[in-house]
Amino acid sequence: MALPKFFEMHRHLLEVLSDGKPHQFRECAELVAQKMNIGEEERKITISSGERSYVNRCGWSRTYMKKAGLITSPKTGILQITPLGQKALKEAPAIITDKYLLKYDSFKEFLHGSKLNGKNKALVATPENSTPEEILETTTNKLKENLKKDLLDMILTKDPYFFEKLVLKLLKIMGYGTDDFDAYVTQKSSDGGIDGVVFEDKLGFDKICYQAKRYSSDNVVGIDAVNSFGGALNSFGAKKGLFITTSSFTTKAIDSAKSKILFL
């Protein structure tokens, strides 16, 4: 069973408050979940902040009902139905949508108020299948995915040596090696399968060698490449190795790395 859309909770929330008494929001969210037959598995679903999705959706239902003047909060975390809300219970359709709520001036101002700029309007006036917070989260994830794709596409247009230097910069930002002595990229002609070296201590006793493969997604790194890299570590006197690729690794390559001191 999929979680109900947040606007589908509007009437149920009003019904929970229909006795006219003040109720805690958490109590309301649980009662709404019971009325809507939201199962235990659905109740475990969370948003990125860790909050339960059904509680978050009920929270947005609360916001919409308050903006329409159908409920009020006499105290923080406390909800109570208003006379207008009691009237809506008798007149409103089974599913209360934005279209119905727009009959209330306070909700109309909330949704299309002049104080909102274009970006905020897009956040508040949302499709009715998601809360504004869920749409923001989805949009953020899409932007991150697009950014990752753009960065990968850019890297793949460069030569392999560019990626080796890029990995070195990343490792230095992560705190490995602070200057040219503490981290360096090997010479192309004589790297012996090692693309770069970073040191974990100032004296250079403990070092990590890495190999950076700038591959397209259809060029998967196999076990032979991983085993070859493992052997190259010995010639550099390294006990640890880091294998980085823009592609992915086969299952056998991953299993082989686990048997060595290699990180993929």
C-alpha atoms as a PDB file:
ATOM      1  CA  MET A   1       0.000   0.000   0.000  1.00  0.00           C
ATOM      2  CA  ALA A   2       1.336   3.425  -0.962  1.00  0.00           C
ATOM      3  CA  LEU A   3       1.226   6.312   1.464  1.00  0.00           C
ATOM      4  CA  PRO A   4      -1.801   8.559   0.955  1.00  0.00           C
ATOM      5  CA  LYS A   5      -1.241  11.955  -0.584  1.00  0.00           C
ATOM      6  CA  PHE A   6      -1.126  14.734   1.973  1.00  0.00           C
ATOM      7  CA  PHE A   7      -4.293  16.454   0.703  1.00  0.00           C
ATOM      8  CA  GLU A   8      -6.164  13.183   1.205  1.00  0.00           C
ATOM      9  CA  MET A   9      -5.522  13.650   4.934  1.00  0.00           C
ATOM     10  CA  HIS A  10      -7.373  16.977   5.160  1.00  0.00           C
ATOM     11  CA  ARG A  11     -10.848  15.588   5.899  1.00  0.00           C
ATOM     12  CA  HIS A  12      -9.508  12.898   8.222  1.00  0.00           C
ATOM     13  CA  LEU A  13      -7.624  15.517  10.230  1.00  0.00           C
ATOM     14  CA  LEU A  14     -10.790  17.597  10.570  1.00  0.00           C
ATOM     15  CA  GLU A  15     -12.713  14.501  11.656  1.00  0.00           C
ATOM     16  CA  VAL A  16     -10.116  13.722  14.334  1.00  0.00           C
ATOM     17  CA  LEU A  17     -10.599  17.271  15.663  1.00  0.00           C
ATOM     18  CA  SER A  18     -14.371  17.306  15.221  1.00  0.00           C
ATOM     19  CA  ASP A  19     -15.033  17.013  18.981  1.00  0.00           C
ATOM     20  CA  GLY A  20     -13.891  20.617  19.283  1.00  0.00           C
ATOM     21  CA  LYS A  21     -11.304  19.816  21.945  1.00  0.00           C
ATOM     22  CA  PRO A  22      -7.565  20.634  21.697  1.00  0.00           C
ATOM     23  CA  HIS A  23      -5.399  17.700  20.633  1.00  0.00           C
ATOM     24  CA  GLN A  24      -1.642  17.167  20.328  1.00  0.00           C
ATOM     25  CA  PHE A  25      -0.418  17.031  16.747  1.00  0.00           C
ATOM     26  CA  ARG A  26       1.333  13.685  17.261  1.00  0.00           C
ATOM     27  CA  GLU A  27      -1.905  12.213  18.551  1.00  0.00           C
ATOM     28  CA  CYS A  28      -3.719  13.566  15.493  1.00  0.00           C
ATOM     29  CA  ALA A  29      -1.134  12.102  13.120  1.00  0.00           C
ATOM     30  CA  GLU A  30      -1.547   8.654  14.696  1.00  0.00           C
ATOM     31  CA  LEU A  31      -5.335   8.828  14.569  1.00  0.00           C
ATOM     32  CA  VAL A  32      -5.266   9.954  10.941  1.00  0.00           C
ATOM     33  CA  ALA A  33      -2.935   7.049  10.120  1.00  0.00           C
ATOM     34  CA  GLN A  34      -5.372   4.645  11.785  1.00  0.00           C
ATOM     35  CA  LYS A  35      -8.383   6.093   9.959  1.00  0.00           C
ATOM     36  CA  MET A  36      -6.544   5.773   6.636  1.00  0.00           C
ATOM     37  CA  ASN A  37      -5.330   2.236   7.389  1.00  0.00           C
ATOM     38  CA  ILE A  38      -1.657   3.144   6.984  1.00  0.00           C
ATOM     39  CA  GLY A  39       0.203  -0.082   7.792  1.00  0.00           C
ATOM     40  CA  GLU A  40       3.307  -0.621   9.912  1.00  0.00           C
ATOM     41  CA  GLU A  41       5.622  -0.890   6.889  1.00  0.00           C
ATOM     42  CA  GLU A  42       4.279   2.350   5.386  1.00  0.00           C
ATOM     43  CA  ARG A  43       4.751   4.075   8.742  1.00  0.00           C
ATOM     44  CA  LYS A  44       8.458   3.213   8.676  1.00  0.00           C
ATOM     45  CA  ILE A  45       9.027   5.197   5.469  1.00  0.00           C
ATOM     46  CA  THR A  46      11.026   8.354   6.153  1.00  0.00           C
ATOM     47  CA  ILE A  47      12.084  11.493   4.301  1.00  0.00           C
ATOM     48  CA  SER A  48      15.740  12.588   4.100  1.00  0.00           C
ATOM     49  CA  SER A  49      15.592  14.372   7.482  1.00  0.00           C
ATOM     50  CA  GLY A  50      14.620  11.095   9.157  1.00  0.00           C
ATOM     51  CA  GLU A  51      11.066  12.169   9.937  1.00  0.00           C
ATOM     52  CA  ARG A  52       8.324   9.635   9.247  1.00  0.00           C
ATOM     53  CA  SER A  53       6.726  10.417   5.890  1.00  0.00           C
ATOM     54  CA  TYR A  54       3.148  10.004   7.076  1.00  0.00           C
ATOM     55  CA  VAL A  55       3.796  12.407   9.994  1.00  0.00           C
ATOM     56  CA  ASN A  56       5.397  14.896   7.601  1.00  0.00           C
ATOM     57  CA  ARG A  57       2.410  14.693   5.243  1.00  0.00           C
ATOM     58  CA  CYS A  58      -0.001  15.139   8.118  1.00  0.00           C
ATOM     59  CA  GLY A  59       2.077  18.170   9.110  1.00  0.00           C
ATOM     60  CA  TRP A  60       1.532  19.713   5.695  1.00  0.00           C
ATOM     61  CA  SER A  61      -2.175  18.918   5.946  1.00  0.00           C
ATOM     62  CA  ARG A  62      -2.158  20.785   9.265  1.00  0.00           C
ATOM     63  CA  THR A  63      -0.463  23.760   7.587  1.00  0.00           C
ATOM     64  CA  TYR A  64      -3.005  23.886   4.772  1.00  0.00           C
ATOM     65  CA  MET A  65      -5.948  23.569   7.184  1.00  0.00           C
ATOM     66  CA  LYS A  66      -4.540  26.348   9.370  1.00  0.00           C
ATOM     67  CA  LYS A  67      -3.944  28.632   6.392  1.00  0.00           C
ATOM     68  CA  ALA A  68      -7.545  28.085   5.324  1.00  0.00           C
ATOM     69  CA  GLY A  69      -8.722  28.922   8.846  1.00  0.00           C
ATOM     70  CA  LEU A  70     -10.257  25.488   9.412  1.00  0.00           C
ATOM     71  CA  ILE A  71      -8.080  24.660  12.420  1.00  0.00           C
ATOM     72  CA  THR A  72      -6.043  26.701  14.862  1.00  0.00           C
ATOM     73  CA  SER A  73      -3.113  26.144  17.229  1.00  0.00           C
ATOM     74  CA  PRO A  74      -3.927  27.571  20.679  1.00  0.00           C
ATOM     75  CA  LYS A  75      -0.491  26.348  21.833  1.00  0.00           C
ATOM     76  CA  THR A  76       2.615  24.992  20.160  1.00  0.00           C
ATOM     77  CA  GLY A  77       1.974  21.436  18.991  1.00  0.00           C
ATOM     78  CA  ILE A  78      -1.735  21.658  19.835  1.00  0.00           C
ATOM     79  CA  LEU A  79      -4.523  21.643  17.232  1.00  0.00           C
ATOM     80  CA  GLN A  80      -8.189  22.565  17.519  1.00  0.00           C
ATOM     81  CA  ILE A  81     -10.929  22.790  14.922  1.00  0.00           C
ATOM     82  CA  THR A  82     -12.581  26.170  14.275  1.00  0.00           C
ATOM     83  CA  PRO A  83     -16.262  26.877  13.574  1.00  0.00           C
ATOM     84  CA  LEU A  84     -15.258  27.292   9.948  1.00  0.00           C
ATOM     85  CA  GLY A  85     -13.698  23.826  10.062  1.00  0.00           C
ATOM     86  CA  GLN A  86     -16.867  22.344  11.553  1.00  0.00           C
ATOM     87  CA  LYS A  87     -18.837  23.883   8.700  1.00  0.00           C
ATOM     88  CA  ALA A  88     -16.340  22.520   6.138  1.00  0.00           C
ATOM     89  CA  LEU A  89     -16.856  19.004   7.517  1.00  0.00           C
ATOM     90  CA  LYS A  90     -20.510  19.259   6.515  1.00  0.00           C
ATOM     91  CA  GLU A  91     -20.020  20.997   3.170  1.00  0.00           C
ATOM     92  CA  ALA A  92     -16.646  19.910   1.782  1.00  0.00           C
ATOM     93  CA  PRO A  93     -16.268  16.963  -0.631  1.00  0.00           C
ATOM     94  CA  ALA A  94     -14.874  13.633   0.528  1.00  0.00           C
ATOM     95  CA  ILE A  95     -11.421  14.673  -0.689  1.00  0.00           C
ATOM     96  CA  ILE A  96     -10.540  18.287   0.070  1.00  0.00           C
ATOM     97  CA  THR A  97      -8.185  19.719  -2.571  1.00  0.00           C
ATOM     98  CA  ASP A  98      -6.615  23.122  -3.182  1.00  0.00           C
ATOM     99  CA  LYS A  99      -9.491  23.917  -5.511  1.00  0.00           C
ATOM    100  CA  TYR A 100     -11.936  23.727  -2.605  1.00  0.00           C
ATOM    101  CA  LEU A 101      -9.646  25.544  -0.150  1.00  0.00           C
ATOM    102  CA  LEU A 102      -9.276  28.486  -2.534  1.00  0.00           C
ATOM    103  CA  LYS A 103     -12.765  29.579  -1.484  1.00  0.00           C
ATOM    104  CA  TYR A 104     -11.104  30.870   1.698  1.00  0.00           C
ATOM    105  CA  ASP A 105      -9.308  34.211   1.278  1.00  0.00           C
ATOM    106  CA  SER A 106      -6.626  33.367   3.838  1.00  0.00           C
ATOM    107  CA  PHE A 107      -5.674  30.227   1.910  1.00  0.00           C
ATOM    108  CA  LYS A 108      -5.777  32.081  -1.387  1.00  0.00           C
ATOM    109  CA  GLU A 109      -3.309  34.609   0.037  1.00  0.00           C
ATOM    110  CA  PHE A 110      -1.139  31.771   1.337  1.00  0.00           C
ATOM    111  CA  LEU A 111      -1.075  30.112  -2.070  1.00  0.00           C
ATOM    112  CA  HIS A 112      -0.818  33.178  -4.298  1.00  0.00           C
ATOM    113  CA  GLY A 113       0.068  35.998  -1.920  1.00  0.00           C
ATOM    114  CA  SER A 114       1.796  39.061  -3.352  1.00  0.00           C
ATOM    115  CA  LYS A 115       4.594  38.728  -0.808  1.00  0.00           C
ATOM    116  CA  LEU A 116       5.753  35.488  -2.395  1.00  0.00           C
ATOM    117  CA  ASN A 117       8.289  35.648  -5.178  1.00  0.00           C
ATOM    118  CA  GLY A 118       8.244  33.269  -8.129  1.00  0.00           C
ATOM    119  CA  LYS A 119      10.442  30.654  -6.469  1.00  0.00           C
ATOM    120  CA  ASN A 120       8.342  30.495  -3.307  1.00  0.00           C
ATOM    121  CA  LYS A 121       5.136  30.316  -5.302  1.00  0.00           C
ATOM    122  CA  ALA A 122       6.463  27.231  -7.048  1.00  0.00           C
ATOM    123  CA  LEU A 123       7.230  25.728  -3.657  1.00  0.00           C
ATOM    124  CA  VAL A 124       3.810  26.388  -2.127  1.00  0.00           C
ATOM    125  CA  ALA A 125       1.572  25.845  -5.162  1.00  0.00           C
ATOM    126  CA  THR A 126       2.572  22.229  -5.574  1.00  0.00           C
ATOM    127  CA  PRO A 127       1.135  19.286  -7.477  1.00  0.00           C
ATOM    128  CA  GLU A 128      -1.330  17.596  -5.168  1.00  0.00           C
ATOM    129  CA  ASN A 129       0.451  14.251  -5.057  1.00  0.00           C
ATOM    130  CA  SER A 130       3.389  15.498  -2.960  1.00  0.00           C
ATOM    131  CA  THR A 131       4.102  17.904  -0.134  1.00  0.00           C
ATOM    132  CA  PRO A 132       6.183  21.009  -0.893  1.00  0.00           C
ATOM    133  CA  GLU A 133       9.010  19.496   1.167  1.00  0.00           C
ATOM    134  CA  GLU A 134       8.915  16.278  -0.851  1.00  0.00           C
ATOM    135  CA  ILE A 135       8.963  18.211  -4.120  1.00  0.00           C
ATOM    136  CA  LEU A 136      11.925  20.261  -2.879  1.00  0.00           C
ATOM    137  CA  GLU A 137      13.733  17.061  -1.904  1.00  0.00           C
ATOM    138  CA  THR A 138      13.010  15.468  -5.287  1.00  0.00           C
ATOM    139  CA  THR A 139      14.168  18.587  -7.116  1.00  0.00           C
ATOM    140  CA  THR A 140      17.377  18.718  -5.060  1.00  0.00           C
ATOM    141  CA  ASN A 141      18.111  15.066  -5.819  1.00  0.00           C
ATOM    142  CA  LYS A 142      17.531  15.661  -9.526  1.00  0.00           C
ATOM    143  CA  LEU A 143      19.907  18.625  -9.468  1.00  0.00           C
ATOM    144  CA  LYS A 144      22.544  16.492  -7.732  1.00  0.00           C
ATOM    145  CA  GLU A 145      22.126  13.721 -10.291  1.00  0.00           C
ATOM    146  CA  ASN A 146      22.383  16.203 -13.165  1.00  0.00           C
ATOM    147  CA  LEU A 147      25.490  17.737 -11.601  1.00  0.00           C
ATOM    148  CA  LYS A 148      27.116  14.303 -11.216  1.00  0.00           C
ATOM    149  CA  LYS A 149      26.310  13.483 -14.840  1.00  0.00           C
ATOM    150  CA  ASP A 150      27.686  16.827 -16.064  1.00  0.00           C
ATOM    151  CA  LEU A 151      30.905  16.371 -14.063  1.00  0.00           C
ATOM    152  CA  LEU A 152      31.348  12.823 -15.332  1.00  0.00           C
ATOM    153  CA  ASP A 153      30.752  13.914 -18.926  1.00  0.00           C
ATOM    154  CA  MET A 154      33.322  16.677 -18.503  1.00  0.00           C
ATOM    155  CA  ILE A 155      35.904  14.288 -17.028  1.00  0.00           C
ATOM    156  CA  LEU A 156      35.412  11.830 -19.884  1.00  0.00           C
ATOM    157  CA  THR A 157      36.243  14.561 -22.414  1.00  0.00           C
ATOM    158  CA  LYS A 158      39.660  15.082 -20.777  1.00  0.00           C
ATOM    159  CA  ASP A 159      42.734  12.905 -21.114  1.00  0.00           C
ATOM    160  CA  PRO A 160      43.406  10.164 -18.521  1.00  0.00           C
ATOM    161  CA  TYR A 161      46.240  12.171 -16.928  1.00  0.00           C
ATOM    162  CA  PHE A 162      43.726  14.921 -16.057  1.00  0.00           C
ATOM    163  CA  PHE A 163      41.691  12.415 -14.031  1.00  0.00           C
ATOM    164  CA  GLU A 164      44.818  11.202 -12.213  1.00  0.00           C
ATOM    165  CA  LYS A 165      45.589  14.771 -11.136  1.00  0.00           C
ATOM    166  CA  LEU A 166      41.946  15.371 -10.237  1.00  0.00           C
ATOM    167  CA  VAL A 167      41.983  12.363  -7.911  1.00  0.00           C
ATOM    168  CA  LEU A 168      45.152  13.693  -6.266  1.00  0.00           C
ATOM    169  CA  LYS A 169      43.471  17.062  -5.615  1.00  0.00           C
ATOM    170  CA  LEU A 170      40.465  15.268  -4.139  1.00  0.00           C
ATOM    171  CA  LEU A 171      42.637  13.208  -1.787  1.00  0.00           C
ATOM    172  CA  LYS A 172      44.514  16.316  -0.660  1.00  0.00           C
ATOM    173  CA  ILE A 173      41.222  18.060   0.089  1.00  0.00           C
ATOM    174  CA  MET A 174      40.280  15.005   2.145  1.00  0.00           C
ATOM    175  CA  GLY A 175      43.418  15.565   4.222  1.00  0.00           C
ATOM    176  CA  TYR A 176      45.946  13.220   2.611  1.00  0.00           C
ATOM    177  CA  GLY A 177      49.145  15.081   1.769  1.00  0.00           C
ATOM    178  CA  THR A 178      49.390  18.828   2.264  1.00  0.00           C
ATOM    179  CA  ASP A 179      52.087  19.754  -0.263  1.00  0.00           C
ATOM    180  CA  ASP A 180      54.008  18.381  -3.253  1.00  0.00           C
ATOM    181  CA  PHE A 181      56.186  16.153  -1.071  1.00  0.00           C
ATOM    182  CA  ASP A 182      53.239  14.608   0.767  1.00  0.00           C
ATOM    183  CA  ALA A 183      51.378  13.699  -2.433  1.00  0.00           C
ATOM    184  CA  TYR A 184      52.309  13.423  -6.079  1.00  0.00           C
ATOM    185  CA  VAL A 185      51.266  11.986  -9.431  1.00  0.00           C
ATOM    186  CA  THR A 186      53.698   9.491 -10.964  1.00  0.00           C
ATOM    187  CA  GLN A 187      55.321   9.981 -14.370  1.00  0.00           C
ATOM    188  CA  LYS A 188      53.284   8.569 -17.254  1.00  0.00           C
ATOM    189  CA  SER A 189      56.146   6.570 -18.730  1.00  0.00           C
ATOM    190  CA  SER A 190      57.242   4.753 -15.580  1.00  0.00           C
ATOM    191  CA  ASP A 191      54.355   4.524 -13.175  1.00  0.00           C
ATOM    192  CA  GLY A 192      54.328   0.711 -13.116  1.00  0.00           C
ATOM    193  CA  GLY A 193      50.552   0.668 -12.663  1.00  0.00           C
ATOM    194  CA  ILE A 194      50.593   3.324  -9.930  1.00  0.00           C
ATOM    195  CA  ASP A 195      49.113   6.702 -10.898  1.00  0.00           C
ATOM    196  CA  GLY A 196      49.756   8.597  -7.688  1.00  0.00           C
ATOM    197  CA  VAL A 197      50.970   8.441  -4.108  1.00  0.00           C
ATOM    198  CA  VAL A 198      49.742  10.171  -0.948  1.00  0.00           C
ATOM    199  CA  PHE A 199      51.383   9.949   2.479  1.00  0.00           C
ATOM    200  CA  GLU A 200      49.608   9.476   5.795  1.00  0.00           C
ATOM    201  CA  ASP A 201      52.555  10.751   7.825  1.00  0.00           C
ATOM    202  CA  LYS A 202      55.096  13.534   7.364  1.00  0.00           C
ATOM    203  CA  LEU A 203      58.084  11.174   7.225  1.00  0.00           C
ATOM    204  CA  GLY A 204      56.603   9.169   4.361  1.00  0.00           C
ATOM    205  CA  PHE A 205      56.656   5.801   6.123  1.00  0.00           C
ATOM    206  CA  ASP A 206      52.974   5.102   5.582  1.00  0.00           C
ATOM    207  CA  LYS A 207      51.751   5.746   2.070  1.00  0.00           C
ATOM    208  CA  ILE A 208      48.742   4.978  -0.076  1.00  0.00           C
ATOM    209  CA  CYS A 209      49.146   4.353  -3.796  1.00  0.00           C
ATOM    210  CA  TYR A 210      46.223   4.882  -6.078  1.00  0.00           C
ATOM    211  CA  GLN A 211      45.214   4.047  -9.607  1.00  0.00           C
ATOM    212  CA  ALA A 212      42.659   6.189 -11.442  1.00  0.00           C
ATOM    213  CA  LYS A 213      40.857   4.758 -14.463  1.00  0.00           C
ATOM    214  CA  ARG A 214      38.892   7.249 -16.551  1.00  0.00           C
ATOM    215  CA  TYR A 215      36.502   4.773 -18.152  1.00  0.00           C
ATOM    216  CA  SER A 216      33.090   5.158 -19.754  1.00  0.00           C
ATOM    217  CA  SER A 217      30.197   3.342 -18.060  1.00  0.00           C
ATOM    218  CA  ASP A 218      30.342   0.386 -20.475  1.00  0.00           C
ATOM    219  CA  ASN A 219      34.026  -0.256 -19.695  1.00  0.00           C
ATOM    220  CA  VAL A 220      33.882  -2.121 -16.371  1.00  0.00           C
ATOM    221  CA  VAL A 221      37.023  -2.720 -14.298  1.00  0.00           C
ATOM    222  CA  GLY A 222      37.654  -6.464 -13.971  1.00  0.00           C
ATOM    223  CA  ILE A 223      39.614  -8.718 -11.666  1.00  0.00           C
ATOM    224  CA  ASP A 224      42.778  -8.678 -13.815  1.00  0.00           C
ATOM    225  CA  ALA A 225      43.160  -4.899 -13.454  1.00  0.00           C
ATOM    226  CA  VAL A 226      42.634  -5.102  -9.696  1.00  0.00           C
ATOM    227  CA  ASN A 227      45.115  -7.973  -9.261  1.00  0.00           C
ATOM    228  CA  SER A 228      47.675  -6.155 -11.410  1.00  0.00           C
ATOM    229  CA  PHE A 229      47.299  -3.068  -9.251  1.00  0.00           C
ATOM    230  CA  GLY A 230      47.708  -5.177  -6.111  1.00  0.00           C
ATOM    231  CA  GLY A 231      50.989  -6.497  -7.466  1.00  0.00           C
ATOM    232  CA  ALA A 232      52.203  -3.008  -8.357  1.00  0.00           C
ATOM    233  CA  LEU A 233      51.847  -1.934  -4.728  1.00  0.00           C
ATOM    234  CA  ASN A 234      54.738  -4.189  -3.722  1.00  0.00           C
ATOM    235  CA  SER A 235      57.171  -2.439  -6.051  1.00  0.00           C
ATOM    236  CA  PHE A 236      56.263   0.863  -4.405  1.00  0.00           C
ATOM    237  CA  GLY A 237      56.536  -0.561  -0.897  1.00  0.00           C
ATOM    238  CA  ALA A 238      52.934   0.367  -0.169  1.00  0.00           C
ATOM    239  CA  LYS A 239      50.649  -1.558   2.167  1.00  0.00           C
ATOM    240  CA  LYS A 240      47.483   0.169   1.059  1.00  0.00           C
ATOM    241  CA  GLY A 241      45.978   0.864  -2.336  1.00  0.00           C
ATOM    242  CA  LEU A 242      43.080   2.905  -3.658  1.00  0.00           C
ATOM    243  CA  PHE A 243      41.512   2.090  -7.036  1.00  0.00           C
ATOM    244  CA  ILE A 244      39.208   4.804  -8.409  1.00  0.00           C
ATOM    245  CA  THR A 245      37.225   4.702 -11.630  1.00  0.00           C
ATOM    246  CA  THR A 246      34.507   6.703 -13.356  1.00  0.00           C
ATOM    247  CA  SER A 247      32.961   3.378 -14.314  1.00  0.00           C
ATOM    248  CA  SER A 248      32.277   0.417 -11.996  1.00  0.00           C
ATOM    249  CA  PHE A 249      33.814  -2.880 -10.856  1.00  0.00           C
ATOM    250  CA  THR A 250      32.840  -6.474 -11.531  1.00  0.00           C
ATOM    251  CA  THR A 251      31.823  -8.642  -8.584  1.00  0.00           C
ATOM    252  CA  LYS A 252      35.020 -10.697  -8.928  1.00  0.00           C
ATOM    253  CA  ALA A 253      37.115  -7.528  -8.866  1.00  0.00           C
ATOM    254  CA  ILE A 254      35.399  -6.397  -5.660  1.00  0.00           C
ATOM    255  CA  ASP A 255      35.899  -9.799  -4.014  1.00  0.00           C
ATOM    256  CA  SER A 256      39.566  -9.757  -5.000  1.00  0.00           C
ATOM    257  CA  ALA A 257      40.048  -6.290  -3.504  1.00  0.00           C
ATOM    258  CA  LYS A 258      38.504  -7.430  -0.217  1.00  0.00           C
ATOM    259  CA  SER A 259      41.156 -10.121   0.063  1.00  0.00           C
ATOM    260  CA  LYS A 260      43.859  -7.482  -0.243  1.00  0.00           C
ATOM    261  CA  ILE A 261      44.278  -4.062   1.384  1.00  0.00           C
ATOM    262  CA  LEU A 262      42.585  -2.361  -1.525  1.00  0.00           C
ATOM    263  CA  PHE A 263      39.776   0.174  -1.500  1.00  0.00           C
ATOM    264  CA  LEU A 264      37.546   0.523  -4.560  1.00  0.00           C
END
